[in-house]
């Protein structure tokens, strides 16, 4: 039983009922697969969210099952307890931004600077983005593959309405990536995100608001059980891309044929994830409103204007981090300009920056 079956076969009311029993379903969602077939190569897969049949964990499972099937069972993927123990990491590249801030270009930029999921994939494929991503990731021991998406225009979830900028100034929020830096620039006190942790923190009042992905992903995480207000189109306006990060030593041990199969499995899962979100966005929103009583609202004017300004400043700061960040920014913004028709921002020279 997964969220697509809830949405397709039973409609919104059943989705609400199913979401309320997520704990029971999670208990039936085995986190320890059966033993590997004899002779199969075992790869360990880690992810920064709870392993359950809702949200991005489901996407990771589908990818793993697809790769196993496409290789005829020659590979067997098991869930690892942590990234340190894993061969594969299914997460956004924000998870690596502590190593280099330019990783966030490969997950999602704040405000209106983000590329829609399909355009982001196109930048990687024909705009030179994948080569830049490979080059950056290799220095930290990873091979990245685009493998999913958390959904377009994620709202900011809260228990109380957000009507003005002062409602988030000084408030503890859970937001990931460069959106967190933009939120800090608006005066918010940003807490470590973690999607599962964010929902629990909203429930116990530790935080006032959180960004948990698009409507379908947020429905899967059960955020509407505790927060009834969904405001704006997200600090990460175009949403967050997910990647399958393969340890470089693991990637290099895999034959070129199996590298191609793993890349194809990841690509298929990305397209399935985006299609799922697009096809069910309206029904998910309707379910959130009618079955959970969620109120949707646009950004208040003062937040919208301020967010655009601080988002651009945040991105410019990352672009000036070093020459590599500048190259990534130049490529990204040139492609964004080409597909949107807007002028690419002018950046200051990074001469003398860290190389």
Protein backbone atom coordinates (compact mmCIF):
# COMPACT_ATOMS: atom_id res chain seq x y z
CA UNK A 1 0.00 0.00 0.00
CA UNK A 2 1.56 3.33 -1.06
CA UNK A 3 0.46 6.94 -1.43
CA UNK A 4 -0.21 6.62 -5.16
CA UNK A 5 -2.67 3.77 -4.53
CA UNK A 6 -4.36 5.82 -1.81
CA UNK A 7 -4.81 8.72 -4.21
CA UNK A 8 -5.72 6.82 -7.35
CA UNK A 9 -8.03 4.11 -6.04
CA UNK A 10 -9.74 5.60 -3.02
CA UNK A 11 -9.77 9.38 -3.29
CA UNK A 12 -9.10 12.12 -0.78
CA UNK A 13 -11.16 10.98 2.21
CA UNK A 14 -9.47 7.59 2.25
CA UNK A 15 -6.11 9.30 1.98
CA UNK A 16 -6.91 11.18 5.16
CA UNK A 17 -7.96 8.02 6.95
CA UNK A 18 -4.88 6.19 5.77
CA UNK A 19 -2.58 8.99 6.85
CA UNK A 20 -4.06 8.85 10.33
CA UNK A 21 -2.97 5.20 10.60
CA UNK A 22 0.53 5.77 9.24
CA UNK A 23 2.05 4.22 12.34
CA UNK A 24 0.37 0.88 11.71
CA UNK A 25 1.35 0.92 8.05
CA UNK A 26 4.94 1.78 8.95
CA UNK A 27 5.01 -1.26 11.22
CA UNK A 28 4.09 -3.43 8.24
CA UNK A 29 6.72 -1.75 6.06
CA UNK A 30 9.69 -4.00 6.65
CA UNK A 31 12.89 -2.04 7.14
CA UNK A 32 15.07 -5.13 6.89
CA UNK A 33 14.77 -6.84 3.48
CA UNK A 34 15.10 -10.57 3.26
CA UNK A 35 18.48 -12.24 2.81
CA UNK A 36 20.39 -11.51 -0.36
CA UNK A 37 20.20 -14.16 -3.09
CA UNK A 38 23.24 -16.40 -3.24
CA UNK A 39 26.02 -14.73 -5.18
CA UNK A 40 24.38 -11.28 -5.20
CA UNK A 41 26.46 -8.18 -4.47
CA UNK A 42 25.04 -6.42 -1.42
CA UNK A 43 24.95 -2.62 -1.41
CA UNK A 44 23.87 -0.66 1.66
CA UNK A 45 21.47 2.26 1.15
CA UNK A 46 21.09 5.09 3.68
CA UNK A 47 18.57 7.93 3.78
CA UNK A 48 17.94 10.81 6.20
CA UNK A 49 14.26 10.01 6.76
CA UNK A 50 12.34 7.23 8.43
CA UNK A 51 11.91 4.12 6.30
CA UNK A 52 8.15 3.96 5.71
CA UNK A 53 5.62 3.69 2.84
CA UNK A 54 5.10 7.46 2.58
CA UNK A 55 7.30 10.22 1.23
CA UNK A 56 10.84 9.96 -0.12
CA UNK A 57 11.60 6.61 1.55
CA UNK A 58 9.07 5.05 -0.79
CA UNK A 59 10.93 6.60 -3.73
CA UNK A 60 14.23 5.17 -2.49
CA UNK A 61 12.64 1.74 -2.16
CA UNK A 62 11.27 1.84 -5.69
CA UNK A 63 14.69 2.78 -7.02
CA UNK A 64 16.34 -0.07 -5.13
CA UNK A 65 13.78 -2.59 -6.35
CA UNK A 66 14.11 -1.35 -9.92
CA UNK A 67 17.91 -1.68 -9.88
CA UNK A 68 17.69 -5.18 -8.41
CA UNK A 69 15.18 -6.21 -11.10
CA UNK A 70 17.13 -4.61 -13.95
CA UNK A 71 20.27 -6.52 -12.95
CA UNK A 72 18.42 -9.81 -12.61
CA UNK A 73 19.10 -9.98 -8.89
CA UNK A 74 22.86 -9.64 -9.23
CA UNK A 75 22.63 -6.75 -6.75
CA UNK A 76 20.74 -6.64 -3.49
CA UNK A 77 20.17 -3.35 -1.67
CA UNK A 78 19.77 -3.27 2.09
CA UNK A 79 18.84 -0.34 4.31
CA UNK A 80 21.84 1.00 6.27
CA UNK A 81 21.64 2.65 9.66
CA UNK A 82 23.72 5.67 8.65
CA UNK A 83 25.55 7.22 5.71
CA UNK A 84 28.87 6.27 7.29
CA UNK A 85 27.96 2.61 6.90
CA UNK A 86 26.46 2.94 3.42
CA UNK A 87 27.50 2.50 -0.18
CA UNK A 88 24.60 4.65 -1.38
CA UNK A 89 22.93 7.74 0.07
CA UNK A 90 19.44 8.78 -1.08
CA UNK A 91 19.13 12.43 -0.05
CA UNK A 92 19.24 15.95 -1.41
CA UNK A 93 22.65 17.41 -2.11
CA UNK A 94 21.95 19.90 0.68
CA UNK A 95 23.27 17.06 2.86
CA UNK A 96 26.74 17.74 1.47
CA UNK A 97 26.59 21.55 1.60
CA UNK A 98 28.63 21.58 4.81
CA UNK A 99 31.49 20.31 2.62
CA UNK A 100 30.98 22.94 -0.08
CA UNK A 101 28.07 25.40 -0.31
CA UNK A 102 27.75 24.98 -4.09
CA UNK A 103 26.19 21.54 -3.54
CA UNK A 104 22.94 23.44 -2.97
CA UNK A 105 22.77 24.32 -6.69
CA UNK A 106 22.12 20.60 -7.24
CA UNK A 107 19.28 20.43 -4.71
CA UNK A 108 17.28 23.66 -4.86
CA UNK A 109 17.89 27.40 -4.66
CA UNK A 110 15.83 29.80 -2.53
CA UNK A 111 13.08 32.13 -3.70
CA UNK A 112 12.40 32.36 -7.41
CA UNK A 113 15.91 31.31 -8.44
CA UNK A 114 15.09 27.60 -8.44
CA UNK A 115 14.60 25.65 -11.66
CA UNK A 116 11.44 23.60 -12.10
CA UNK A 117 12.15 19.88 -11.79
CA UNK A 118 12.12 19.21 -15.54
CA UNK A 119 14.31 22.23 -16.30
CA UNK A 120 16.74 21.19 -13.58
CA UNK A 121 17.05 17.76 -15.21
CA UNK A 122 17.62 19.46 -18.56
CA UNK A 123 20.40 21.62 -17.10
CA UNK A 124 22.13 18.48 -15.86
CA UNK A 125 21.67 16.66 -19.16
CA UNK A 126 22.37 19.28 -21.83
CA UNK A 127 23.51 22.36 -19.92
CA UNK A 128 26.70 20.96 -18.44
CA UNK A 129 25.32 20.66 -14.92
CA UNK A 130 26.06 16.94 -14.51
CA UNK A 131 29.74 17.41 -15.33
CA UNK A 132 29.99 20.21 -12.78
CA UNK A 133 28.14 18.07 -10.22
CA UNK A 134 30.41 15.09 -10.89
CA UNK A 135 33.50 17.25 -10.56
CA UNK A 136 32.40 18.78 -7.26
CA UNK A 137 31.18 15.48 -5.78
CA UNK A 138 34.29 13.52 -6.75
CA UNK A 139 36.43 15.64 -4.46
CA UNK A 140 34.31 14.39 -1.55
CA UNK A 141 34.11 10.75 -2.63
CA UNK A 142 30.70 10.59 -4.33
CA UNK A 143 29.15 10.00 -7.74
CA UNK A 144 25.76 11.78 -7.90
CA UNK A 145 22.68 10.65 -9.86
CA UNK A 146 19.43 12.61 -10.02
CA UNK A 147 16.86 10.33 -8.41
CA UNK A 148 13.73 12.12 -7.21
CA UNK A 149 12.01 15.33 -6.15
CA UNK A 150 10.11 16.50 -3.06
CA UNK A 151 7.56 18.47 -5.06
CA UNK A 152 7.03 21.90 -6.54
CA UNK A 153 6.30 25.06 -4.52
CA UNK A 154 6.46 23.67 -0.96
CA UNK A 155 4.44 25.85 1.43
CA UNK A 156 5.53 26.93 4.88
CA UNK A 157 3.48 24.92 7.39
CA UNK A 158 2.44 26.47 10.71
CA UNK A 159 -0.12 26.13 13.50
CA UNK A 160 -1.00 29.84 13.38
CA UNK A 161 -1.53 32.09 10.36
CA UNK A 162 1.48 33.88 8.89
CA UNK A 163 0.16 37.29 7.86
CA UNK A 164 3.23 39.52 7.96
CA UNK A 165 7.01 39.47 8.13
CA UNK A 166 6.97 39.99 11.89
CA UNK A 167 5.25 36.60 12.26
CA UNK A 168 8.46 34.81 11.27
CA UNK A 169 11.03 37.30 12.60
CA UNK A 170 12.54 35.69 15.69
CA UNK A 171 10.45 32.53 15.23
CA UNK A 172 12.07 29.07 15.18
CA UNK A 173 11.63 27.50 11.73
CA UNK A 174 12.75 24.22 10.14
CA UNK A 175 13.98 24.86 6.58
CA UNK A 176 16.75 23.16 4.64
CA UNK A 177 19.43 24.27 2.22
CA UNK A 178 19.99 27.87 1.22
CA UNK A 179 16.36 28.56 2.08
CA UNK A 180 17.54 28.37 5.69
CA UNK A 181 20.03 31.18 5.03
CA UNK A 182 17.30 33.27 3.43
CA UNK A 183 15.05 32.65 6.43
CA UNK A 184 17.83 33.73 8.79
CA UNK A 185 18.26 36.91 6.78
CA UNK A 186 14.57 37.60 7.44
CA UNK A 187 15.17 37.26 11.17
CA UNK A 188 14.03 33.67 11.74
CA UNK A 189 15.83 31.28 14.06
CA UNK A 190 16.38 28.24 11.85
CA UNK A 191 16.52 24.81 13.49
CA UNK A 192 18.11 21.68 11.98
CA UNK A 193 15.52 20.56 9.40
CA UNK A 194 15.09 16.78 9.10
CA UNK A 195 11.61 16.17 7.66
CA UNK A 196 10.48 13.64 10.27
CA UNK A 197 11.94 15.73 13.07
CA UNK A 198 10.28 18.87 11.70
CA UNK A 199 6.79 17.35 11.98
CA UNK A 200 7.45 16.23 15.57
CA UNK A 201 8.86 19.65 16.45
CA UNK A 202 5.77 21.35 15.02
CA UNK A 203 3.59 19.06 17.09
CA UNK A 204 5.36 19.75 20.38
CA UNK A 205 5.79 23.48 19.68
CA UNK A 206 9.58 23.45 19.45
CA UNK A 207 9.30 25.22 16.10
CA UNK A 208 6.62 27.56 14.75
CA UNK A 209 6.79 26.62 11.06
CA UNK A 210 8.47 24.17 8.68
CA UNK A 211 8.99 23.44 5.01
CA UNK A 212 8.34 19.73 4.33
CA UNK A 213 8.13 19.47 0.54
CA UNK A 214 5.28 19.78 -1.94
CA UNK A 215 1.66 18.94 -1.20
CA UNK A 216 1.94 15.20 -1.87
CA UNK A 217 5.16 14.81 0.12
CA UNK A 218 3.73 16.87 2.99
CA UNK A 219 0.60 14.72 2.98
CA UNK A 220 2.76 11.61 3.21
CA UNK A 221 4.70 13.01 6.17
CA UNK A 222 1.46 13.76 8.04
CA UNK A 223 2.27 17.41 8.69
CA UNK A 224 -1.40 18.39 8.26
CA UNK A 225 -2.25 16.47 11.44
CA UNK A 226 -0.47 19.15 13.47
CA UNK A 227 -0.30 22.27 11.26
CA UNK A 228 -3.39 23.74 9.60
CA UNK A 229 -1.87 26.71 7.76
CA UNK A 230 0.13 26.39 4.53
CA UNK A 231 1.56 29.72 3.43
CA UNK A 232 3.43 30.83 0.32
CA UNK A 233 5.25 28.78 -2.26
CA UNK A 234 8.22 27.88 -0.13
CA UNK A 235 11.54 29.37 0.81
CA UNK A 236 12.81 26.79 -1.70
CA UNK A 237 10.38 27.95 -4.36
CA UNK A 238 10.84 25.29 -7.04
CA UNK A 239 11.25 22.50 -4.51
CA UNK A 240 14.10 20.15 -3.67
CA UNK A 241 15.69 17.57 -5.97
CA UNK A 242 16.82 14.25 -4.53
CA UNK A 243 19.93 12.37 -5.58
CA UNK A 244 21.34 8.90 -5.27
CA UNK A 245 24.90 9.55 -4.08
CA UNK A 246 27.09 6.54 -4.81
CA UNK A 247 30.40 6.25 -2.98
CA UNK A 248 33.08 6.73 -5.60
CA UNK A 249 34.95 3.57 -4.64
CA UNK A 250 31.69 1.61 -4.94
CA UNK A 251 30.90 3.25 -8.28
CA UNK A 252 34.34 2.41 -9.62
CA UNK A 253 33.96 -1.26 -8.60
CA UNK A 254 30.76 -1.57 -10.62
CA UNK A 255 31.13 -2.55 -14.27
CA UNK A 256 30.34 0.14 -16.88
CA UNK A 257 27.24 -1.85 -17.85
CA UNK A 258 25.94 -1.86 -14.29
CA UNK A 259 26.83 1.81 -13.86
CA UNK A 260 24.56 2.52 -16.83
CA UNK A 261 21.80 0.36 -15.33
CA UNK A 262 22.01 2.14 -11.96
CA UNK A 263 21.95 5.53 -13.69
CA UNK A 264 18.90 4.46 -15.70
CA UNK A 265 17.11 3.23 -12.57
CA UNK A 266 17.77 6.56 -10.86
CA UNK A 267 16.59 8.52 -13.91
CA UNK A 268 13.39 6.48 -14.12
CA UNK A 269 12.69 7.10 -10.45
CA UNK A 270 13.22 10.83 -10.89
CA UNK A 271 10.68 10.95 -13.72
CA UNK A 272 8.24 8.77 -11.75
CA UNK A 273 8.59 11.03 -8.72
CA UNK A 274 7.96 14.21 -10.73
CA UNK A 275 5.04 12.65 -12.61
CA UNK A 276 3.48 11.44 -9.36
CA UNK A 277 3.69 14.90 -7.82
CA UNK A 278 2.29 16.60 -10.93
CA UNK A 279 -0.56 14.13 -11.44
CA UNK A 280 -1.72 14.23 -7.82
CA UNK A 281 -0.97 17.81 -6.80
CA UNK A 282 -4.57 19.00 -7.11
CA UNK A 283 -6.03 15.98 -5.32
CA UNK A 284 -3.43 16.22 -2.56
CA UNK A 285 -4.21 19.90 -2.05
CA UNK A 286 -7.96 19.16 -2.04
CA UNK A 287 -7.45 16.39 0.52
CA UNK A 288 -5.38 18.65 2.75
CA UNK A 289 -8.10 21.31 2.62
CA UNK A 290 -11.23 19.17 2.95
CA UNK A 291 -10.10 16.21 5.05
CA UNK A 292 -7.59 18.00 7.29
CA UNK A 293 -8.96 21.55 7.33
CA UNK A 294 -5.80 23.15 5.95
CA UNK A 295 -6.00 26.83 4.96
CA UNK A 296 -3.80 27.88 2.05
CA UNK A 297 -2.58 31.44 1.60
CA UNK A 298 -0.14 33.32 -0.63
CA UNK A 299 2.92 34.99 0.83
CA UNK A 300 2.08 38.30 2.49
CA UNK A 301 3.41 41.14 0.32
CA UNK A 302 6.15 42.15 2.76
CA UNK A 303 7.51 38.58 2.99
CA UNK A 304 7.38 38.06 -0.79
CA UNK A 305 9.37 41.21 -1.48
CA UNK A 306 11.90 40.61 1.26
CA UNK A 307 12.38 36.96 0.31
CA UNK A 308 13.30 37.85 -3.26
CA UNK A 309 15.96 40.27 -2.04
CA UNK A 310 17.57 38.01 0.56
CA UNK A 311 17.42 34.96 -1.73
CA UNK A 312 19.43 36.75 -4.40
CA UNK A 313 21.96 37.97 -1.82
CA UNK A 314 22.27 34.45 -0.39
CA UNK A 315 22.96 32.94 -3.82
CA UNK A 316 25.45 35.67 -4.68
CA UNK A 317 27.33 34.93 -1.47
CA UNK A 318 27.64 31.24 -2.41
CA UNK A 319 28.62 32.11 -5.98
CA UNK A 320 31.51 34.14 -4.58
CA UNK A 321 32.76 31.36 -2.33
CA UNK A 322 35.43 30.18 -4.80
CA UNK A 323 36.14 29.79 -8.49
CA UNK A 324 34.31 26.44 -8.65
CA UNK A 325 31.16 27.93 -7.13
CA UNK A 326 31.40 30.78 -9.63
CA UNK A 327 31.55 28.34 -12.56
CA UNK A 328 28.53 26.42 -11.26
CA UNK A 329 26.58 29.64 -10.73
CA UNK A 330 27.47 30.91 -14.21
CA UNK A 331 26.32 27.68 -15.85
CA UNK A 332 23.14 27.45 -13.78
CA UNK A 333 22.11 31.07 -14.25
CA UNK A 334 22.89 31.05 -17.98
CA UNK A 335 20.67 27.98 -18.43
CA UNK A 336 17.94 29.49 -16.24
CA UNK A 337 18.06 32.65 -18.35
CA UNK A 338 17.84 30.61 -21.56
CA UNK A 339 14.72 28.70 -20.49
CA UNK A 340 12.96 31.59 -18.74
CA UNK A 341 13.96 34.53 -20.92
CA UNK A 342 15.08 36.51 -17.88
CA UNK A 343 18.46 38.18 -17.68
CA UNK A 344 21.13 36.28 -15.79
CA UNK A 345 22.33 38.13 -12.66
CA UNK A 346 25.69 39.84 -12.81
CA UNK A 347 28.14 38.61 -10.20
CA UNK A 348 31.21 40.23 -8.78
CA UNK A 349 34.57 38.72 -9.79
CA UNK A 350 35.81 35.87 -7.62
CA UNK A 351 39.46 36.73 -8.28
CA UNK A 352 41.43 35.83 -5.20
CA UNK A 353 38.74 33.50 -3.88
CA UNK A 354 39.59 30.10 -2.44
CA UNK A 355 40.36 27.67 -5.26
